Amino acid sequence: MAQLEAAVDRVLSGPERPGRLLSLDERRTIAYHEMGHALVLTSLPGTDPVRRVSIVGRGRSLGWTLTVPEGDRALGSKSQLRNRLAGLLGGRVAEELILGQEDITTGGADDLLKATRLARQMVTELGMSGLGVRVVEAGELGLAHPHSDELGRRVDDEVDRLLDEALSRARAILAARSELLDALAARLLEVETMGGAELAAMVSTHTTVELQGVVVPRAAAQASAEPVAVSASPATVAAHRRAGSGARRGTGAATVRPPWLRTLLRVVAGPRGGRPRPGGLSG
């Protein structure tokens, strides 16, 4: 299973680049950045579960956060897209908290680009903003805009509003859970790559917080990332352990892949254009 997951990581995120020489301060910043993404995502409902977080560079990324849906999904709701926006900006907010506004880094450039594109799509194509259901078309070949300059300004204002709202939500979550963010970043520095089960276990040990009247759930609800991870009963844990040990002893029992891995493998095996990306959260 470990080899299979490593192969999936390589396909999605590129080959590992463990030889990069980074200072301890840079590694610490990357750890906070990635855990900022992960903690915001695990604190909001309707987001894809975080499967892995790493500060081992892959491809051009210095760190990455992998999210994979529980099953096949054809539609996305407005609330899910708003939560995704907050998750994309969680890394920048984490940097603000530990470095200060004047010392944020360039590591979040790709996150900001993806967040801006997503917010603009919500405004101009999906009817998920104050503009209502109107679709704002781009000009053909970039020569002209089939809309007024005033409408263009309203689009920009709505994009800014969505991004500011996502920043505020991410700030509220990470400020309220700053101690947990410290613990997660310290652990990630130690192990370099953290699985979803360990992340859920650490988050579940901290109390639920309430943000502006909305209860932020503990990540114990996401323990389904690993069936035996956090919320399983002792009897269930024992049964899984017996099943696993039987398979290791060569009794012929087949290894059961978790649902999220089956979904991921189906997507990876499909057309190249359908591959998921590491949550769009590579730093």
C-alpha atoms as a PDB file:
ATOM      1  CA  MET A   1       0.000   0.000   0.000  1.00  0.00           C
ATOM      2  CA  ALA A   2       2.825   2.393   0.864  1.00  0.00           C
ATOM      3  CA  GLN A   3       4.466   1.772  -2.514  1.00  0.00           C
ATOM      4  CA  LEU A   4       1.179   2.331  -4.315  1.00  0.00           C
ATOM      5  CA  GLU A   5       0.574   5.639  -2.516  1.00  0.00           C
ATOM      6  CA  ALA A   6       4.150   6.732  -3.273  1.00  0.00           C
ATOM      7  CA  ALA A   7       3.555   5.992  -6.963  1.00  0.00           C
ATOM      8  CA  VAL A   8       0.326   8.010  -6.937  1.00  0.00           C
ATOM      9  CA  ASP A   9       2.142  10.940  -5.286  1.00  0.00           C
ATOM     10  CA  ARG A  10       4.796  10.833  -7.985  1.00  0.00           C
ATOM     11  CA  VAL A  11       2.200  10.850 -10.776  1.00  0.00           C
ATOM     12  CA  LEU A  12       0.226  13.727  -9.255  1.00  0.00           C
ATOM     13  CA  SER A  13       2.987  15.910  -7.856  1.00  0.00           C
ATOM     14  CA  GLY A  14       6.160  14.937  -9.685  1.00  0.00           C
ATOM     15  CA  PRO A  15       9.328  13.220  -8.439  1.00  0.00           C
ATOM     16  CA  GLU A  16      10.700  13.943  -5.008  1.00  0.00           C
ATOM     17  CA  ARG A  17      13.555  16.423  -4.775  1.00  0.00           C
ATOM     18  CA  PRO A  18      14.995  15.665  -1.328  1.00  0.00           C
ATOM     19  CA  GLY A  19      18.397  17.127  -2.190  1.00  0.00           C
ATOM     20  CA  ARG A  20      17.298  20.752  -2.084  1.00  0.00           C
ATOM     21  CA  LEU A  21      19.303  22.718   0.432  1.00  0.00           C
ATOM     22  CA  LEU A  22      16.913  24.760   2.538  1.00  0.00           C
ATOM     23  CA  SER A  23      17.625  26.561   5.763  1.00  0.00           C
ATOM     24  CA  LEU A  24      15.769  25.617   8.923  1.00  0.00           C
ATOM     25  CA  ASP A  25      13.859  28.908   8.766  1.00  0.00           C
ATOM     26  CA  GLU A  26      12.715  28.141   5.219  1.00  0.00           C
ATOM     27  CA  ARG A  27      11.660  24.623   6.167  1.00  0.00           C
ATOM     28  CA  ARG A  28       9.739  26.005   9.135  1.00  0.00           C
ATOM     29  CA  THR A  29       7.974  28.536   6.911  1.00  0.00           C
ATOM     30  CA  ILE A  30       7.021  25.818   4.428  1.00  0.00           C
ATOM     31  CA  ALA A  31       5.721  23.614   7.251  1.00  0.00           C
ATOM     32  CA  TYR A  32       3.476  26.404   8.551  1.00  0.00           C
ATOM     33  CA  HIS A  33       2.371  27.257   5.018  1.00  0.00           C
ATOM     34  CA  GLU A  34       1.271  23.717   4.197  1.00  0.00           C
ATOM     35  CA  MET A  35      -0.329  23.159   7.587  1.00  0.00           C
ATOM     36  CA  GLY A  36      -2.199  26.423   7.109  1.00  0.00           C
ATOM     37  CA  HIS A  37      -3.831  24.882   4.053  1.00  0.00           C
ATOM     38  CA  ALA A  38      -4.500  21.589   5.813  1.00  0.00           C
ATOM     39  CA  LEU A  39      -5.935  23.044   9.016  1.00  0.00           C
ATOM     40  CA  VAL A  40      -8.312  25.422   7.234  1.00  0.00           C
ATOM     41  CA  LEU A  41      -9.547  22.607   5.009  1.00  0.00           C
ATOM     42  CA  THR A  42     -10.094  20.187   7.902  1.00  0.00           C
ATOM     43  CA  SER A  43     -11.964  22.893   9.825  1.00  0.00           C
ATOM     44  CA  LEU A  44     -14.560  23.539   7.122  1.00  0.00           C
ATOM     45  CA  PRO A  45     -17.404  21.222   6.072  1.00  0.00           C
ATOM     46  CA  GLY A  46     -17.761  19.932   2.553  1.00  0.00           C
ATOM     47  CA  THR A  47     -14.073  20.086   1.656  1.00  0.00           C
ATOM     48  CA  ASP A  48     -12.161  17.159   0.194  1.00  0.00           C
ATOM     49  CA  PRO A  49     -10.306  15.272   2.942  1.00  0.00           C
ATOM     50  CA  VAL A  50      -6.597  15.993   3.313  1.00  0.00           C
ATOM     51  CA  ARG A  51      -4.739  12.767   2.544  1.00  0.00           C
ATOM     52  CA  ARG A  52      -1.153  13.896   2.902  1.00  0.00           C
ATOM     53  CA  VAL A  53       0.909  16.966   3.738  1.00  0.00           C
ATOM     54  CA  SER A  54       4.631  17.190   2.991  1.00  0.00           C
ATOM     55  CA  ILE A  55       7.577  19.547   3.025  1.00  0.00           C
ATOM     56  CA  VAL A  56       9.582  17.261   0.742  1.00  0.00           C
ATOM     57  CA  GLY A  57       9.696  19.118  -2.554  1.00  0.00           C
ATOM     58  CA  ARG A  58       8.187  17.551  -5.657  1.00  0.00           C
ATOM     59  CA  GLY A  59       8.576  19.019  -9.107  1.00  0.00           C
ATOM     60  CA  ARG A  60       8.732  22.790  -8.677  1.00  0.00           C
ATOM     61  CA  SER A  61       6.902  22.768  -5.356  1.00  0.00           C
ATOM     62  CA  LEU A  62       8.727  23.159  -2.060  1.00  0.00           C
ATOM     63  CA  GLY A  63       5.810  21.571  -0.205  1.00  0.00           C
ATOM     64  CA  TRP A  64       2.398  20.176  -1.022  1.00  0.00           C
ATOM     65  CA  THR A  65      -0.981  19.325   0.446  1.00  0.00           C
ATOM     66  CA  LEU A  66      -2.893  16.498  -1.228  1.00  0.00           C
ATOM     67  CA  THR A  67      -6.683  16.422  -1.068  1.00  0.00           C
ATOM     68  CA  VAL A  68      -8.732  13.676  -2.674  1.00  0.00           C
ATOM     69  CA  PRO A  69     -12.544  13.418  -2.752  1.00  0.00           C
ATOM     70  CA  GLU A  70     -14.244  10.511  -1.006  1.00  0.00           C
ATOM     71  CA  GLY A  71     -15.900   9.437  -4.251  1.00  0.00           C
ATOM     72  CA  ASP A  72     -16.691  10.556  -7.769  1.00  0.00           C
ATOM     73  CA  ARG A  73     -18.153  14.058  -7.899  1.00  0.00           C
ATOM     74  CA  ALA A  74     -19.697  15.794 -10.902  1.00  0.00           C
ATOM     75  CA  LEU A  75     -21.036  18.947  -9.239  1.00  0.00           C
ATOM     76  CA  GLY A  76     -19.743  21.482  -6.752  1.00  0.00           C
ATOM     77  CA  SER A  77     -21.812  23.797  -4.563  1.00  0.00           C
ATOM     78  CA  LYS A  78     -21.236  27.470  -3.823  1.00  0.00           C
ATOM     79  CA  SER A  79     -20.367  26.683  -0.204  1.00  0.00           C
ATOM     80  CA  GLN A  80     -17.805  24.100  -1.313  1.00  0.00           C
ATOM     81  CA  LEU A  81     -16.136  26.586  -3.642  1.00  0.00           C
ATOM     82  CA  ARG A  82     -16.089  29.243  -0.900  1.00  0.00           C
ATOM     83  CA  ASN A  83     -14.451  26.766   1.446  1.00  0.00           C
ATOM     84  CA  ARG A  84     -11.938  25.846  -1.240  1.00  0.00           C
ATOM     85  CA  LEU A  85     -11.053  29.518  -1.614  1.00  0.00           C
ATOM     86  CA  ALA A  86     -10.382  29.734   2.122  1.00  0.00           C
ATOM     87  CA  GLY A  87      -8.222  26.601   1.936  1.00  0.00           C
ATOM     88  CA  LEU A  88      -6.190  27.995  -0.949  1.00  0.00           C
ATOM     89  CA  LEU A  89      -5.418  31.118   1.084  1.00  0.00           C
ATOM     90  CA  GLY A  90      -4.678  29.241   4.322  1.00  0.00           C
ATOM     91  CA  GLY A  91      -0.979  29.026   3.511  1.00  0.00           C
ATOM     92  CA  ARG A  92      -0.591  32.789   3.060  1.00  0.00           C
ATOM     93  CA  VAL A  93      -2.522  33.435   6.287  1.00  0.00           C
ATOM     94  CA  ALA A  94      -0.290  31.022   8.213  1.00  0.00           C
ATOM     95  CA  GLU A  95       2.758  32.918   6.966  1.00  0.00           C
ATOM     96  CA  GLU A  96       1.214  36.186   8.117  1.00  0.00           C
ATOM     97  CA  LEU A  97       0.704  34.747  11.594  1.00  0.00           C
ATOM     98  CA  ILE A  98       4.279  33.550  12.092  1.00  0.00           C
ATOM     99  CA  LEU A  99       6.257  36.030   9.975  1.00  0.00           C
ATOM    100  CA  GLY A 100       4.164  39.179  10.009  1.00  0.00           C
ATOM    101  CA  GLN A 101       2.602  40.988   7.077  1.00  0.00           C
ATOM    102  CA  GLU A 102       5.913  42.515   5.977  1.00  0.00           C
ATOM    103  CA  ASP A 103       7.810  39.206   5.801  1.00  0.00           C
ATOM    104  CA  ILE A 104       5.406  36.970   3.872  1.00  0.00           C
ATOM    105  CA  THR A 105       7.171  34.941   1.185  1.00  0.00           C
ATOM    106  CA  THR A 106       6.791  34.159  -2.507  1.00  0.00           C
ATOM    107  CA  GLY A 107       5.772  30.580  -1.715  1.00  0.00           C
ATOM    108  CA  GLY A 108       2.070  31.280  -2.118  1.00  0.00           C
ATOM    109  CA  ALA A 109       2.177  32.658  -5.674  1.00  0.00           C
ATOM    110  CA  ASP A 110       0.509  29.629  -7.237  1.00  0.00           C
ATOM    111  CA  ASP A 111      -2.165  29.550  -4.501  1.00  0.00           C
ATOM    112  CA  LEU A 112      -3.038  33.207  -5.129  1.00  0.00           C
ATOM    113  CA  LEU A 113      -3.310  32.636  -8.868  1.00  0.00           C
ATOM    114  CA  LYS A 114      -5.619  29.658  -8.427  1.00  0.00           C
ATOM    115  CA  ALA A 115      -7.755  31.471  -5.858  1.00  0.00           C
ATOM    116  CA  THR A 116      -8.132  34.511  -8.122  1.00  0.00           C
ATOM    117  CA  ARG A 117      -9.089  32.360 -11.091  1.00  0.00           C
ATOM    118  CA  LEU A 118     -11.617  30.412  -9.040  1.00  0.00           C
ATOM    119  CA  ALA A 119     -13.179  33.600  -7.632  1.00  0.00           C
ATOM    120  CA  ARG A 120     -13.434  35.130 -11.120  1.00  0.00           C
ATOM    121  CA  GLN A 121     -15.032  31.955 -12.450  1.00  0.00           C
ATOM    122  CA  MET A 122     -17.605  32.076  -9.639  1.00  0.00           C
ATOM    123  CA  VAL A 123     -18.457  35.660 -10.614  1.00  0.00           C
ATOM    124  CA  THR A 124     -18.378  35.530 -14.415  1.00  0.00           C
ATOM    125  CA  GLU A 125     -19.433  31.966 -15.242  1.00  0.00           C
ATOM    126  CA  LEU A 126     -21.221  30.303 -12.332  1.00  0.00           C
ATOM    127  CA  GLY A 127     -23.588  32.996 -11.088  1.00  0.00           C
ATOM    128  CA  MET A 128     -22.284  32.715  -7.518  1.00  0.00           C
ATOM    129  CA  SER A 129     -21.824  36.380  -6.622  1.00  0.00           C
ATOM    130  CA  GLY A 130     -23.671  39.653  -6.186  1.00  0.00           C
ATOM    131  CA  LEU A 131     -23.951  39.970  -9.975  1.00  0.00           C
ATOM    132  CA  GLY A 132     -26.621  37.291  -9.956  1.00  0.00           C
ATOM    133  CA  VAL A 133     -26.992  34.799 -12.779  1.00  0.00           C
ATOM    134  CA  ARG A 134     -25.558  36.960 -15.531  1.00  0.00           C
ATOM    135  CA  VAL A 135     -22.638  35.398 -17.412  1.00  0.00           C
ATOM    136  CA  VAL A 136     -19.931  37.916 -18.237  1.00  0.00           C
ATOM    137  CA  GLU A 137     -18.296  36.912 -21.498  1.00  0.00           C
ATOM    138  CA  ALA A 138     -14.774  37.742 -22.548  1.00  0.00           C
ATOM    139  CA  GLY A 139     -14.200  39.565 -25.784  1.00  0.00           C
ATOM    140  CA  GLU A 140     -13.437  37.518 -28.882  1.00  0.00           C
ATOM    141  CA  LEU A 141      -9.711  37.233 -29.514  1.00  0.00           C
ATOM    142  CA  GLY A 142      -9.190  39.826 -26.801  1.00  0.00           C
ATOM    143  CA  LEU A 143     -10.142  42.643 -29.205  1.00  0.00           C
ATOM    144  CA  ALA A 144     -13.276  43.854 -27.472  1.00  0.00           C
ATOM    145  CA  HIS A 145     -15.383  43.304 -24.376  1.00  0.00           C
ATOM    146  CA  PRO A 146     -19.083  42.540 -24.907  1.00  0.00           C
ATOM    147  CA  HIS A 147     -19.873  44.418 -21.700  1.00  0.00           C
ATOM    148  CA  SER A 148     -19.499  47.923 -20.296  1.00  0.00           C
ATOM    149  CA  ASP A 149     -16.565  49.212 -18.303  1.00  0.00           C
ATOM    150  CA  GLU A 150     -18.919  49.651 -15.367  1.00  0.00           C
ATOM    151  CA  LEU A 151     -19.795  45.956 -15.428  1.00  0.00           C
ATOM    152  CA  GLY A 152     -16.088  45.146 -15.582  1.00  0.00           C
ATOM    153  CA  ARG A 153     -15.535  47.184 -12.434  1.00  0.00           C
ATOM    154  CA  ARG A 154     -18.400  45.379 -10.707  1.00  0.00           C
ATOM    155  CA  VAL A 155     -16.827  42.034 -11.638  1.00  0.00           C
ATOM    156  CA  ASP A 156     -13.516  43.130 -10.139  1.00  0.00           C
ATOM    157  CA  ASP A 157     -15.291  44.298  -6.977  1.00  0.00           C
ATOM    158  CA  GLU A 158     -17.051  40.934  -6.598  1.00  0.00           C
ATOM    159  CA  VAL A 159     -13.802  39.016  -7.138  1.00  0.00           C
ATOM    160  CA  ASP A 160     -12.121  41.161  -4.486  1.00  0.00           C
ATOM    161  CA  ARG A 161     -15.059  40.580  -2.127  1.00  0.00           C
ATOM    162  CA  LEU A 162     -14.871  36.791  -2.475  1.00  0.00           C
ATOM    163  CA  LEU A 163     -11.107  36.799  -1.917  1.00  0.00           C
ATOM    164  CA  ASP A 164     -11.346  39.128   1.094  1.00  0.00           C
ATOM    165  CA  GLU A 165     -14.084  36.963   2.582  1.00  0.00           C
ATOM    166  CA  ALA A 166     -11.955  33.832   2.108  1.00  0.00           C
ATOM    167  CA  LEU A 167      -8.970  35.549   3.745  1.00  0.00           C
ATOM    168  CA  SER A 168     -11.095  36.587   6.720  1.00  0.00           C
ATOM    169  CA  ARG A 169     -12.407  33.055   7.210  1.00  0.00           C
ATOM    170  CA  ALA A 170      -8.929  31.553   7.021  1.00  0.00           C
ATOM    171  CA  ARG A 171      -7.610  34.144   9.490  1.00  0.00           C
ATOM    172  CA  ALA A 172     -10.431  33.445  11.940  1.00  0.00           C
ATOM    173  CA  ILE A 173      -9.792  29.694  11.853  1.00  0.00           C
ATOM    174  CA  LEU A 174      -6.004  29.847  12.199  1.00  0.00           C
ATOM    175  CA  ALA A 175      -6.089  32.555  14.857  1.00  0.00           C
ATOM    176  CA  ALA A 176      -8.536  30.497  16.911  1.00  0.00           C
ATOM    177  CA  ARG A 177      -6.452  27.347  16.476  1.00  0.00           C
ATOM    178  CA  SER A 178      -2.964  28.836  16.626  1.00  0.00           C
ATOM    179  CA  GLU A 179      -1.736  26.337  19.233  1.00  0.00           C
ATOM    180  CA  LEU A 180      -2.856  23.454  17.060  1.00  0.00           C
ATOM    181  CA  LEU A 181      -1.170  25.059  14.051  1.00  0.00           C
ATOM    182  CA  ASP A 182       2.091  25.252  16.035  1.00  0.00           C
ATOM    183  CA  ALA A 183       1.825  21.578  17.021  1.00  0.00           C
ATOM    184  CA  LEU A 184       1.042  20.438  13.479  1.00  0.00           C
ATOM    185  CA  ALA A 185       3.887  22.450  11.938  1.00  0.00           C
ATOM    186  CA  ALA A 186       6.364  21.135  14.532  1.00  0.00           C
ATOM    187  CA  ARG A 187       5.286  17.555  13.820  1.00  0.00           C
ATOM    188  CA  LEU A 188       5.544  18.088  10.060  1.00  0.00           C
ATOM    189  CA  LEU A 189       9.073  19.429  10.493  1.00  0.00           C
ATOM    190  CA  GLU A 190       9.905  16.245  12.372  1.00  0.00           C
ATOM    191  CA  VAL A 191       8.394  13.679   9.984  1.00  0.00           C
ATOM    192  CA  GLU A 192       8.489  15.726   6.734  1.00  0.00           C
ATOM    193  CA  THR A 193       5.413  13.894   5.360  1.00  0.00           C
ATOM    194  CA  MET A 194       2.226  13.418   7.396  1.00  0.00           C
ATOM    195  CA  GLY A 195      -0.667  11.170   6.458  1.00  0.00           C
ATOM    196  CA  GLY A 196      -4.315  12.065   6.732  1.00  0.00           C
ATOM    197  CA  ALA A 197      -4.909   9.660   9.625  1.00  0.00           C
ATOM    198  CA  GLU A 198      -2.221  11.254  11.805  1.00  0.00           C
ATOM    199  CA  LEU A 199      -3.455  14.736  10.901  1.00  0.00           C
ATOM    200  CA  ALA A 200      -7.024  13.813  11.866  1.00  0.00           C
ATOM    201  CA  ALA A 201      -5.825  12.250  15.125  1.00  0.00           C
ATOM    202  CA  MET A 202      -3.925  15.388  16.143  1.00  0.00           C
ATOM    203  CA  VAL A 203      -6.789  17.705  15.222  1.00  0.00           C
ATOM    204  CA  SER A 204      -9.300  15.546  17.095  1.00  0.00           C
ATOM    205  CA  THR A 205      -7.409  16.041  20.378  1.00  0.00           C
ATOM    206  CA  HIS A 206      -8.191  19.771  20.311  1.00  0.00           C
ATOM    207  CA  THR A 207     -11.567  21.108  21.304  1.00  0.00           C
ATOM    208  CA  THR A 208     -14.083  22.358  18.808  1.00  0.00           C
ATOM    209  CA  VAL A 209     -14.054  26.126  18.359  1.00  0.00           C
ATOM    210  CA  GLU A 210     -16.861  28.494  17.430  1.00  0.00           C
ATOM    211  CA  LEU A 211     -16.298  31.245  14.879  1.00  0.00           C
ATOM    212  CA  GLN A 212     -18.925  33.962  14.582  1.00  0.00           C
ATOM    213  CA  GLY A 213     -21.687  31.599  15.662  1.00  0.00           C
ATOM    214  CA  VAL A 214     -20.595  28.793  13.308  1.00  0.00           C
ATOM    215  CA  VAL A 215     -19.170  25.705  14.960  1.00  0.00           C
ATOM    216  CA  VAL A 216     -15.979  24.528  13.307  1.00  0.00           C
ATOM    217  CA  PRO A 217     -16.062  20.723  13.525  1.00  0.00           C
ATOM    218  CA  ARG A 218     -13.179  18.673  14.797  1.00  0.00           C
ATOM    219  CA  ALA A 219     -11.474  16.589  12.149  1.00  0.00           C
ATOM    220  CA  ALA A 220     -12.626  13.396  13.861  1.00  0.00           C
ATOM    221  CA  ALA A 221     -15.441  13.511  11.336  1.00  0.00           C
ATOM    222  CA  GLN A 222     -12.805  12.989   8.679  1.00  0.00           C
ATOM    223  CA  ALA A 223     -11.456   9.851  10.284  1.00  0.00           C
ATOM    224  CA  SER A 224     -12.999   8.031   7.335  1.00  0.00           C
ATOM    225  CA  ALA A 225      -9.729   8.822   5.559  1.00  0.00           C
ATOM    226  CA  GLU A 226      -8.479   5.755   7.406  1.00  0.00           C
ATOM    227  CA  PRO A 227     -11.259   3.436   8.638  1.00  0.00           C
ATOM    228  CA  VAL A 228      -9.470   2.696  11.911  1.00  0.00           C
ATOM    229  CA  ALA A 229      -8.067   6.161  12.516  1.00  0.00           C
ATOM    230  CA  VAL A 230      -9.892   8.164  15.167  1.00  0.00           C
ATOM    231  CA  SER A 231     -13.535   7.453  15.731  1.00  0.00           C
ATOM    232  CA  ALA A 232     -13.638   3.659  15.387  1.00  0.00           C
ATOM    233  CA  SER A 233     -14.728   1.600  18.365  1.00  0.00           C
ATOM    234  CA  PRO A 234     -12.235  -0.735  20.113  1.00  0.00           C
ATOM    235  CA  ALA A 235     -13.996  -3.760  18.617  1.00  0.00           C
ATOM    236  CA  THR A 236     -13.742  -2.301  15.121  1.00  0.00           C
ATOM    237  CA  VAL A 237     -10.060  -1.475  15.611  1.00  0.00           C
ATOM    238  CA  ALA A 238      -9.361  -5.009  16.790  1.00  0.00           C
ATOM    239  CA  ALA A 239     -11.215  -6.470  13.816  1.00  0.00           C
ATOM    240  CA  HIS A 240      -9.215  -4.355  11.374  1.00  0.00           C
ATOM    241  CA  ARG A 241      -5.980  -5.316  13.064  1.00  0.00           C
ATOM    242  CA  ARG A 242      -6.841  -9.023  12.876  1.00  0.00           C
ATOM    243  CA  ALA A 243      -7.742  -8.678   9.206  1.00  0.00           C
ATOM    244  CA  GLY A 244      -4.531  -6.796   8.462  1.00  0.00           C
ATOM    245  CA  SER A 245      -2.313  -9.244  10.331  1.00  0.00           C
ATOM    246  CA  GLY A 246      -3.957 -12.151   8.517  1.00  0.00           C
ATOM    247  CA  ALA A 247      -3.164 -10.604   5.161  1.00  0.00           C
ATOM    248  CA  ARG A 248       0.451 -10.006   6.210  1.00  0.00           C
ATOM    249  CA  ARG A 249       0.818 -13.636   7.316  1.00  0.00           C
ATOM    250  CA  GLY A 250      -0.101 -14.745   3.813  1.00  0.00           C
ATOM    251  CA  THR A 251      -3.516 -16.244   4.574  1.00  0.00           C
ATOM    252  CA  GLY A 252      -4.678 -15.248   1.115  1.00  0.00           C
ATOM    253  CA  ALA A 253      -6.869 -12.371   2.285  1.00  0.00           C
ATOM    254  CA  ALA A 254      -6.790  -9.521  -0.216  1.00  0.00           C
ATOM    255  CA  THR A 255      -5.750  -6.062   0.904  1.00  0.00           C
ATOM    256  CA  VAL A 256      -8.792  -3.798   0.918  1.00  0.00           C
ATOM    257  CA  ARG A 257      -8.060  -0.396  -0.536  1.00  0.00           C
ATOM    258  CA  PRO A 258      -9.815   2.502   1.171  1.00  0.00           C
ATOM    259  CA  PRO A 259     -12.542   4.193  -0.929  1.00  0.00           C
ATOM    260  CA  TRP A 260     -10.539   7.407  -1.393  1.00  0.00           C
ATOM    261  CA  LEU A 261      -7.611   5.466  -2.887  1.00  0.00           C
ATOM    262  CA  ARG A 262      -9.894   3.587  -5.266  1.00  0.00           C
ATOM    263  CA  THR A 263     -11.334   6.903  -6.428  1.00  0.00           C
ATOM    264  CA  LEU A 264      -7.868   8.391  -6.888  1.00  0.00           C
ATOM    265  CA  LEU A 265      -6.644   5.391  -8.878  1.00  0.00           C
ATOM    266  CA  ARG A 266      -9.653   5.588 -11.199  1.00  0.00           C
ATOM    267  CA  VAL A 267      -8.928   9.241 -11.898  1.00  0.00           C
ATOM    268  CA  VAL A 268      -5.198   8.673 -12.417  1.00  0.00           C
ATOM    269  CA  ALA A 269      -5.928   5.829 -14.813  1.00  0.00           C
ATOM    270  CA  GLY A 270      -8.263   8.056 -16.840  1.00  0.00           C
ATOM    271  CA  PRO A 271      -7.444  10.725 -19.445  1.00  0.00           C
ATOM    272  CA  ARG A 272      -4.608  13.063 -18.591  1.00  0.00           C
ATOM    273  CA  GLY A 273      -6.912  16.077 -18.408  1.00  0.00           C
ATOM    274  CA  GLY A 274      -8.872  14.472 -15.587  1.00  0.00           C
ATOM    275  CA  ARG A 275      -6.048  14.089 -13.117  1.00  0.00           C
ATOM    276  CA  PRO A 276      -6.583  15.744  -9.775  1.00  0.00           C
ATOM    277  CA  ARG A 277      -3.905  18.070  -8.548  1.00  0.00           C
ATOM    278  CA  PRO A 278      -2.557  18.230  -4.995  1.00  0.00           C
ATOM    279  CA  GLY A 279      -5.502  20.324  -3.913  1.00  0.00           C
ATOM    280  CA  GLY A 280      -4.102  23.243  -5.860  1.00  0.00           C
ATOM    281  CA  LEU A 281      -2.181  23.947  -2.714  1.00  0.00           C
ATOM    282  CA  SER A 282       1.409  23.385  -3.669  1.00  0.00           C
ATOM    283  CA  GLY A 283       3.577  26.128  -2.251  1.00  0.00           C
END
